[in-house]
């Protein structure tokens, strides 16, 4: 069964006679880009005439070029198609400084779409399910995710949480995450449930090695607290401790929340939001550091005699001179850091 994909906002040129340089450039861009992906049976439609073409083809996938404004209109009309919104060529080439960034964003969209097409081809029975999913309203999808989370299927529960916690997912999932977290916090029946919620949020920091669990703390009034030491992205202690009060079953939830003010402990929604933000910041930091290390090691492999100064490396030991080349210890340290961030790049550079 052939999978049909409709692209709205681009019509390939049959010839370039009388066309403007911008039109030729845009056409060349898409003619070189689209064949790199298996998008099924591809059709094209202009914004002026896409509705009858969509009715005739009944595509499973629709790509809307030009942004989300047009995509909303398309989704309202064709609700049972999986919709992807991405840049048109004009948006990609509008600002020179943003060209590569926007191209990468578009590659991500097309890669994801090609993956879906492959899955539908290998298992056509999934097509009706995909159409049903595409036609779901916000509330329908939200309730489905909630039922997955509270259900007994552990794999389904984990996948639902993963979907909600992905900061790069659809904007609706981000809103759903905020809605779900706030509802869980507000509906927590007692102090024990709120304690568990806060510890779950801190577990995310621990998993990302942004915090570590410490021994429990008891204040002068006998109240016990879980304690966590926050760490920087290298894993070093930052001397900032967070305390989460112990709760108990039947404890008034408002009385428990009052305990949070003593050590300025955030509420559940605040802490969950913080965990997501910190995870994103760490990912950005790791990517940035990885790129720096690759640059240094690539330059060193090309010329091992280059000094630390020329390579932009600050000596680990303050007594060492930056006029000297990298030592074996320096190289091993950089390799270890890069291996932690990106093993594939270590392999490609032949650094093992």
Protein backbone atom coordinates (compact mmCIF):
# COMPACT_ATOMS: atom_id res chain seq x y z
CA UNK A 1 0.00 0.00 0.00
CA UNK A 2 1.48 3.33 -1.08
CA UNK A 3 1.68 6.07 1.54
CA UNK A 4 0.65 9.47 0.18
CA UNK A 5 2.31 12.68 1.34
CA UNK A 6 0.99 16.05 0.21
CA UNK A 7 3.34 19.06 0.27
CA UNK A 8 1.50 22.38 0.42
CA UNK A 9 3.27 25.58 -0.55
CA UNK A 10 5.68 24.33 -3.21
CA UNK A 11 5.22 23.31 -6.86
CA UNK A 12 8.34 22.03 -8.67
CA UNK A 13 9.28 24.12 -11.70
CA UNK A 14 8.95 22.35 -15.05
CA UNK A 15 11.42 24.81 -16.60
CA UNK A 16 13.28 27.92 -15.52
CA UNK A 17 12.56 30.15 -18.52
CA UNK A 18 11.48 33.58 -17.33
CA UNK A 19 11.81 32.65 -13.65
CA UNK A 20 13.44 34.93 -11.12
CA UNK A 21 16.76 33.91 -9.53
CA UNK A 22 15.01 33.53 -6.17
CA UNK A 23 12.46 31.11 -7.64
CA UNK A 24 15.22 29.06 -9.29
CA UNK A 25 17.18 28.97 -6.03
CA UNK A 26 14.15 27.84 -4.02
CA UNK A 27 13.23 25.17 -6.57
CA UNK A 28 16.79 23.85 -6.66
CA UNK A 29 16.86 23.66 -2.86
CA UNK A 30 13.77 21.46 -2.59
CA UNK A 31 14.64 19.31 -5.60
CA UNK A 32 17.95 18.46 -3.94
CA UNK A 33 16.48 18.06 -0.43
CA UNK A 34 13.28 16.03 -0.82
CA UNK A 35 14.71 13.02 -2.75
CA UNK A 36 16.98 12.32 0.23
CA UNK A 37 13.95 11.08 2.16
CA UNK A 38 11.45 8.33 1.45
CA UNK A 39 8.20 10.24 1.94
CA UNK A 40 6.05 7.77 0.05
CA UNK A 41 4.09 8.95 -2.99
CA UNK A 42 4.66 12.71 -2.96
CA UNK A 43 2.21 15.23 -4.41
CA UNK A 44 2.29 19.02 -4.43
CA UNK A 45 -0.33 21.74 -4.03
CA UNK A 46 -0.31 25.54 -3.93
CA UNK A 47 -1.96 27.39 -1.06
CA UNK A 48 -4.60 28.62 -3.50
CA UNK A 49 -5.86 25.13 -4.41
CA UNK A 50 -4.85 22.61 -1.78
CA UNK A 51 -8.33 21.66 -0.49
CA UNK A 52 -9.65 19.86 -3.62
CA UNK A 53 -6.27 18.16 -4.10
CA UNK A 54 -6.36 16.98 -0.49
CA UNK A 55 -9.93 15.69 -0.93
CA UNK A 56 -8.91 13.74 -4.02
CA UNK A 57 -5.71 12.23 -2.63
CA UNK A 58 -6.72 11.72 1.03
CA UNK A 59 -3.05 11.89 2.13
CA UNK A 60 -1.89 10.27 5.34
CA UNK A 61 0.83 12.92 5.74
CA UNK A 62 0.75 16.63 4.93
CA UNK A 63 3.75 18.95 4.96
CA UNK A 64 2.85 22.63 5.20
CA UNK A 65 5.62 25.02 4.16
CA UNK A 66 5.46 28.47 5.66
CA UNK A 67 4.85 27.98 9.35
CA UNK A 68 2.15 27.13 11.85
CA UNK A 69 -0.35 29.82 10.83
CA UNK A 70 -1.17 27.98 7.59
CA UNK A 71 -0.80 24.62 9.30
CA UNK A 72 -3.66 25.39 11.71
CA UNK A 73 -5.99 26.06 8.77
CA UNK A 74 -4.96 22.82 7.09
CA UNK A 75 -5.42 20.83 10.29
CA UNK A 76 -8.94 22.19 10.79
CA UNK A 77 -9.89 21.03 7.30
CA UNK A 78 -8.01 17.73 7.13
CA UNK A 79 -8.01 16.41 10.68
CA UNK A 80 -7.22 12.76 9.92
CA UNK A 81 -3.83 13.47 8.32
CA UNK A 82 -0.54 13.60 10.21
CA UNK A 83 0.52 17.22 9.84
CA UNK A 84 4.06 18.61 9.71
CA UNK A 85 4.81 22.33 9.56
CA UNK A 86 8.22 23.55 8.44
CA UNK A 87 9.95 26.48 6.73
CA UNK A 88 9.44 27.40 3.13
CA UNK A 89 12.55 28.28 1.12
CA UNK A 90 11.97 32.00 1.55
CA UNK A 91 12.09 31.66 5.34
CA UNK A 92 15.24 29.53 5.17
CA UNK A 93 17.18 32.00 3.03
CA UNK A 94 15.71 35.16 4.60
CA UNK A 95 18.56 35.72 7.09
CA UNK A 96 22.02 34.50 6.15
CA UNK A 97 23.02 33.98 9.78
CA UNK A 98 20.08 31.59 10.34
CA UNK A 99 20.25 29.54 7.13
CA UNK A 100 22.11 26.55 8.57
CA UNK A 101 20.00 26.53 11.74
CA UNK A 102 16.75 26.49 9.77
CA UNK A 103 18.04 23.83 7.42
CA UNK A 104 18.83 21.60 10.39
CA UNK A 105 15.35 22.21 11.80
CA UNK A 106 13.86 21.16 8.48
CA UNK A 107 16.05 18.06 8.29
CA UNK A 108 14.77 17.03 11.72
CA UNK A 109 11.14 17.35 10.55
CA UNK A 110 11.72 15.38 7.34
CA UNK A 111 13.73 12.68 9.14
CA UNK A 112 10.90 12.16 11.62
CA UNK A 113 8.34 12.05 8.81
CA UNK A 114 10.40 9.55 6.80
CA UNK A 115 10.58 7.34 9.89
CA UNK A 116 6.78 7.39 10.19
CA UNK A 117 6.39 6.59 6.51
CA UNK A 118 8.70 3.60 6.89
CA UNK A 119 6.70 2.34 9.86
CA UNK A 120 3.41 2.68 8.03
CA UNK A 121 4.82 0.82 5.03
CA UNK A 122 6.09 -2.03 7.17
CA UNK A 123 2.85 -2.30 9.14
CA UNK A 124 -0.17 -0.99 7.15
CA UNK A 125 -2.48 -1.95 10.02
CA UNK A 126 -1.11 1.07 11.85
CA UNK A 127 -2.54 3.49 9.28
CA UNK A 128 -6.07 3.65 10.77
CA UNK A 129 -4.51 4.14 14.20
CA UNK A 130 -2.35 6.98 12.86
CA UNK A 131 -5.41 8.68 11.34
CA UNK A 132 -7.32 8.34 14.61
CA UNK A 133 -4.38 9.79 16.53
CA UNK A 134 -4.13 12.71 14.10
CA UNK A 135 -7.83 13.54 14.51
CA UNK A 136 -7.71 13.63 18.31
CA UNK A 137 -8.53 16.91 20.02
CA UNK A 138 -6.32 18.34 22.75
CA UNK A 139 -8.61 16.92 25.45
CA UNK A 140 -8.82 13.50 23.77
CA UNK A 141 -5.04 13.24 23.59
CA UNK A 142 -4.61 14.54 27.13
CA UNK A 143 -7.01 11.96 28.55
CA UNK A 144 -5.29 9.19 26.59
CA UNK A 145 -1.91 10.15 28.06
CA UNK A 146 -3.36 10.42 31.58
CA UNK A 147 -4.89 6.94 31.29
CA UNK A 148 -1.54 5.62 30.07
CA UNK A 149 0.23 7.11 33.08
CA UNK A 150 -2.22 5.80 35.67
CA UNK A 151 -2.63 2.42 33.97
CA UNK A 152 -0.86 -0.83 34.85
CA UNK A 153 1.25 -1.14 31.67
CA UNK A 154 4.70 0.01 32.83
CA UNK A 155 6.12 0.37 29.30
CA UNK A 156 3.12 2.45 28.23
CA UNK A 157 3.47 4.59 31.35
CA UNK A 158 7.15 5.26 30.69
CA UNK A 159 6.48 6.13 27.04
CA UNK A 160 3.72 8.54 28.04
CA UNK A 161 5.97 10.33 30.55
CA UNK A 162 8.79 10.42 28.00
CA UNK A 163 6.44 12.04 25.51
CA UNK A 164 5.32 14.67 28.00
CA UNK A 165 8.82 15.45 29.29
CA UNK A 166 10.34 15.98 25.83
CA UNK A 167 10.99 19.73 25.52
CA UNK A 168 11.47 19.31 21.77
CA UNK A 169 8.12 17.65 21.19
CA UNK A 170 4.88 19.18 19.95
CA UNK A 171 3.91 22.35 21.79
CA UNK A 172 0.70 20.65 22.99
CA UNK A 173 2.71 18.06 24.91
CA UNK A 174 4.50 20.84 26.78
CA UNK A 175 1.16 22.38 27.79
CA UNK A 176 -0.20 18.95 28.70
CA UNK A 177 2.81 18.33 30.92
CA UNK A 178 2.21 21.59 32.76
CA UNK A 179 -1.51 20.83 33.09
CA UNK A 180 -0.92 17.29 34.34
CA UNK A 181 1.76 18.31 36.84
CA UNK A 182 -0.43 21.10 38.28
CA UNK A 183 -3.44 18.77 38.55
CA UNK A 184 -1.43 16.06 40.31
CA UNK A 185 0.01 18.58 42.78
CA UNK A 186 -3.33 20.21 43.53
CA UNK A 187 -5.15 16.90 43.92
CA UNK A 188 -2.50 15.34 46.18
CA UNK A 189 -4.58 14.19 49.14
CA UNK A 190 -2.03 14.53 51.94
CA UNK A 191 1.51 15.44 52.90
CA UNK A 192 2.89 12.00 52.09
CA UNK A 193 1.78 12.21 48.45
CA UNK A 194 3.26 15.71 48.11
CA UNK A 195 6.53 14.51 49.63
CA UNK A 196 6.72 11.68 47.10
CA UNK A 197 5.96 14.11 44.27
CA UNK A 198 8.81 16.42 45.30
CA UNK A 199 11.24 13.52 45.68
CA UNK A 200 10.26 12.30 42.21
CA UNK A 201 11.13 15.74 40.83
CA UNK A 202 14.51 15.71 42.60
CA UNK A 203 15.18 12.20 41.29
CA UNK A 204 15.27 13.76 37.82
CA UNK A 205 18.10 16.03 38.96
CA UNK A 206 19.90 13.03 40.48
CA UNK A 207 19.50 11.01 37.27
CA UNK A 208 21.03 13.90 35.31
CA UNK A 209 23.85 14.15 37.91
CA UNK A 210 22.82 17.74 38.61
CA UNK A 211 22.21 16.83 42.26
CA UNK A 212 23.12 14.07 44.70
CA UNK A 213 21.22 12.63 47.65
CA UNK A 214 22.62 13.42 51.11
CA UNK A 215 21.87 12.09 54.60
CA UNK A 216 18.53 13.17 56.01
CA UNK A 217 18.35 16.28 58.18
CA UNK A 218 16.30 16.87 61.35
CA UNK A 219 15.64 20.44 62.51
CA UNK A 220 15.29 21.71 66.09
CA UNK A 221 11.56 20.97 66.06
CA UNK A 222 12.06 17.33 65.12
CA UNK A 223 10.92 17.72 61.51
CA UNK A 224 12.84 15.43 59.17
CA UNK A 225 13.95 16.45 55.68
CA UNK A 226 15.38 14.75 52.61
CA UNK A 227 18.53 16.60 51.60
CA UNK A 228 20.06 17.09 48.15
CA UNK A 229 23.30 18.81 47.17
CA UNK A 230 23.19 20.52 43.77
CA UNK A 231 26.15 19.96 41.45
CA UNK A 232 27.53 21.77 38.43
CA UNK A 233 27.65 20.10 35.03
CA UNK A 234 31.04 18.58 35.92
CA UNK A 235 29.50 16.88 38.98
CA UNK A 236 31.20 19.15 41.54
CA UNK A 237 29.23 20.26 44.61
CA UNK A 238 27.86 23.80 44.41
CA UNK A 239 27.23 24.14 48.18
CA UNK A 240 23.52 24.69 47.56
CA UNK A 241 21.34 22.29 49.54
CA UNK A 242 17.64 21.64 49.00
CA UNK A 243 15.50 20.19 51.77
CA UNK A 244 12.21 18.37 51.23
CA UNK A 245 10.15 17.81 54.40
CA UNK A 246 8.93 14.34 55.26
CA UNK A 247 5.14 14.04 55.11
CA UNK A 248 2.75 11.46 56.46
CA UNK A 249 -0.53 9.88 55.44
CA UNK A 250 -3.51 11.92 56.52
CA UNK A 251 -1.44 15.08 56.95
CA UNK A 252 -3.31 18.20 55.80
CA UNK A 253 -1.81 19.09 52.41
CA UNK A 254 -1.87 22.81 53.20
CA UNK A 255 -0.02 22.21 56.45
CA UNK A 256 2.62 20.31 54.45
CA UNK A 257 2.96 23.12 51.91
CA UNK A 258 3.53 25.56 54.81
CA UNK A 259 6.66 23.55 55.71
CA UNK A 260 8.16 24.32 52.29
CA UNK A 261 8.61 28.00 53.14
CA UNK A 262 11.09 27.34 55.98
CA UNK A 263 13.94 26.44 53.60
CA UNK A 264 12.44 28.05 50.48
CA UNK A 265 11.65 24.68 48.92
CA UNK A 266 9.79 25.07 45.59
CA UNK A 267 6.35 23.54 45.05
CA UNK A 268 5.91 20.44 42.90
CA UNK A 269 5.08 22.23 39.62
CA UNK A 270 7.98 24.66 40.12
CA UNK A 271 10.40 21.82 40.79
CA UNK A 272 9.23 19.78 37.80
CA UNK A 273 9.60 22.82 35.54
CA UNK A 274 13.07 23.42 36.95
CA UNK A 275 14.04 19.78 36.26
CA UNK A 276 13.04 20.08 32.61
CA UNK A 277 14.87 23.38 32.18
CA UNK A 278 18.04 22.09 33.82
CA UNK A 279 18.01 18.98 31.64
CA UNK A 280 17.79 21.17 28.54
CA UNK A 281 20.54 23.49 29.76
CA UNK A 282 22.84 20.58 30.50
CA UNK A 283 22.23 19.12 27.03
CA UNK A 284 23.12 22.48 25.45
CA UNK A 285 26.23 22.75 27.62
CA UNK A 286 27.38 19.22 26.78
CA UNK A 287 26.88 19.84 23.06
CA UNK A 288 28.86 23.08 23.27
CA UNK A 289 31.70 21.50 25.24
CA UNK A 290 31.79 18.50 22.92
CA UNK A 291 32.15 20.75 19.89
CA UNK A 292 35.04 22.63 21.58
CA UNK A 293 36.87 19.41 22.42
CA UNK A 294 36.42 18.04 18.89
CA UNK A 295 37.87 21.26 17.51
CA UNK A 296 40.90 21.05 19.81
CA UNK A 297 41.61 17.36 19.19
CA UNK A 298 41.15 17.72 15.42
CA UNK A 299 43.66 20.60 15.35
CA UNK A 300 46.05 18.63 17.59
CA UNK A 301 45.90 15.55 15.30
CA UNK A 302 46.73 17.78 12.32
CA UNK A 303 49.73 19.31 14.15
CA UNK A 304 50.76 17.76 17.52
CA UNK A 305 53.38 20.50 18.00
CA UNK A 306 50.82 23.27 18.43
CA UNK A 307 50.92 24.92 21.83
CA UNK A 308 48.04 24.93 24.30
CA UNK A 309 47.73 28.66 23.65
CA UNK A 310 47.32 28.12 19.90
CA UNK A 311 44.76 25.39 20.57
CA UNK A 312 42.81 27.54 23.03
CA UNK A 313 43.45 25.18 25.96
CA UNK A 314 44.05 26.44 29.48
CA UNK A 315 46.58 24.23 31.34
CA UNK A 316 45.04 21.97 33.98
CA UNK A 317 47.92 22.74 36.30
CA UNK A 318 48.54 26.43 36.96
CA UNK A 319 52.30 25.77 37.06
CA UNK A 320 52.29 24.54 33.46
CA UNK A 321 53.02 26.87 30.56
CA UNK A 322 50.45 27.40 27.81
CA UNK A 323 53.36 27.67 25.35
CA UNK A 324 53.92 23.90 25.50
CA UNK A 325 52.06 21.30 23.37
CA UNK A 326 49.38 19.09 24.84
CA UNK A 327 50.75 16.41 27.12
CA UNK A 328 49.61 12.81 27.03
CA UNK A 329 47.67 13.52 30.23
CA UNK A 330 45.92 16.50 28.58
CA UNK A 331 44.91 14.39 25.59
CA UNK A 332 43.60 11.55 27.77
CA UNK A 333 41.56 14.01 29.84
CA UNK A 334 40.01 15.57 26.73
CA UNK A 335 39.29 12.12 25.30
CA UNK A 336 37.58 11.07 28.53
CA UNK A 337 35.37 14.15 28.52
CA UNK A 338 34.46 13.70 24.88
CA UNK A 339 33.76 10.00 25.38
CA UNK A 340 31.32 10.89 28.14
CA UNK A 341 29.54 13.35 25.84
CA UNK A 342 29.81 11.69 22.44
CA UNK A 343 31.33 8.21 21.99
CA UNK A 344 30.49 8.21 18.27
CA UNK A 345 32.70 11.25 17.69
CA UNK A 346 35.55 9.61 19.60
CA UNK A 347 35.26 6.62 17.28
CA UNK A 348 35.18 8.80 14.16
CA UNK A 349 38.31 10.67 15.24
CA UNK A 350 40.17 7.44 15.97
CA UNK A 351 40.88 8.47 19.55
CA UNK A 352 40.26 5.14 21.28
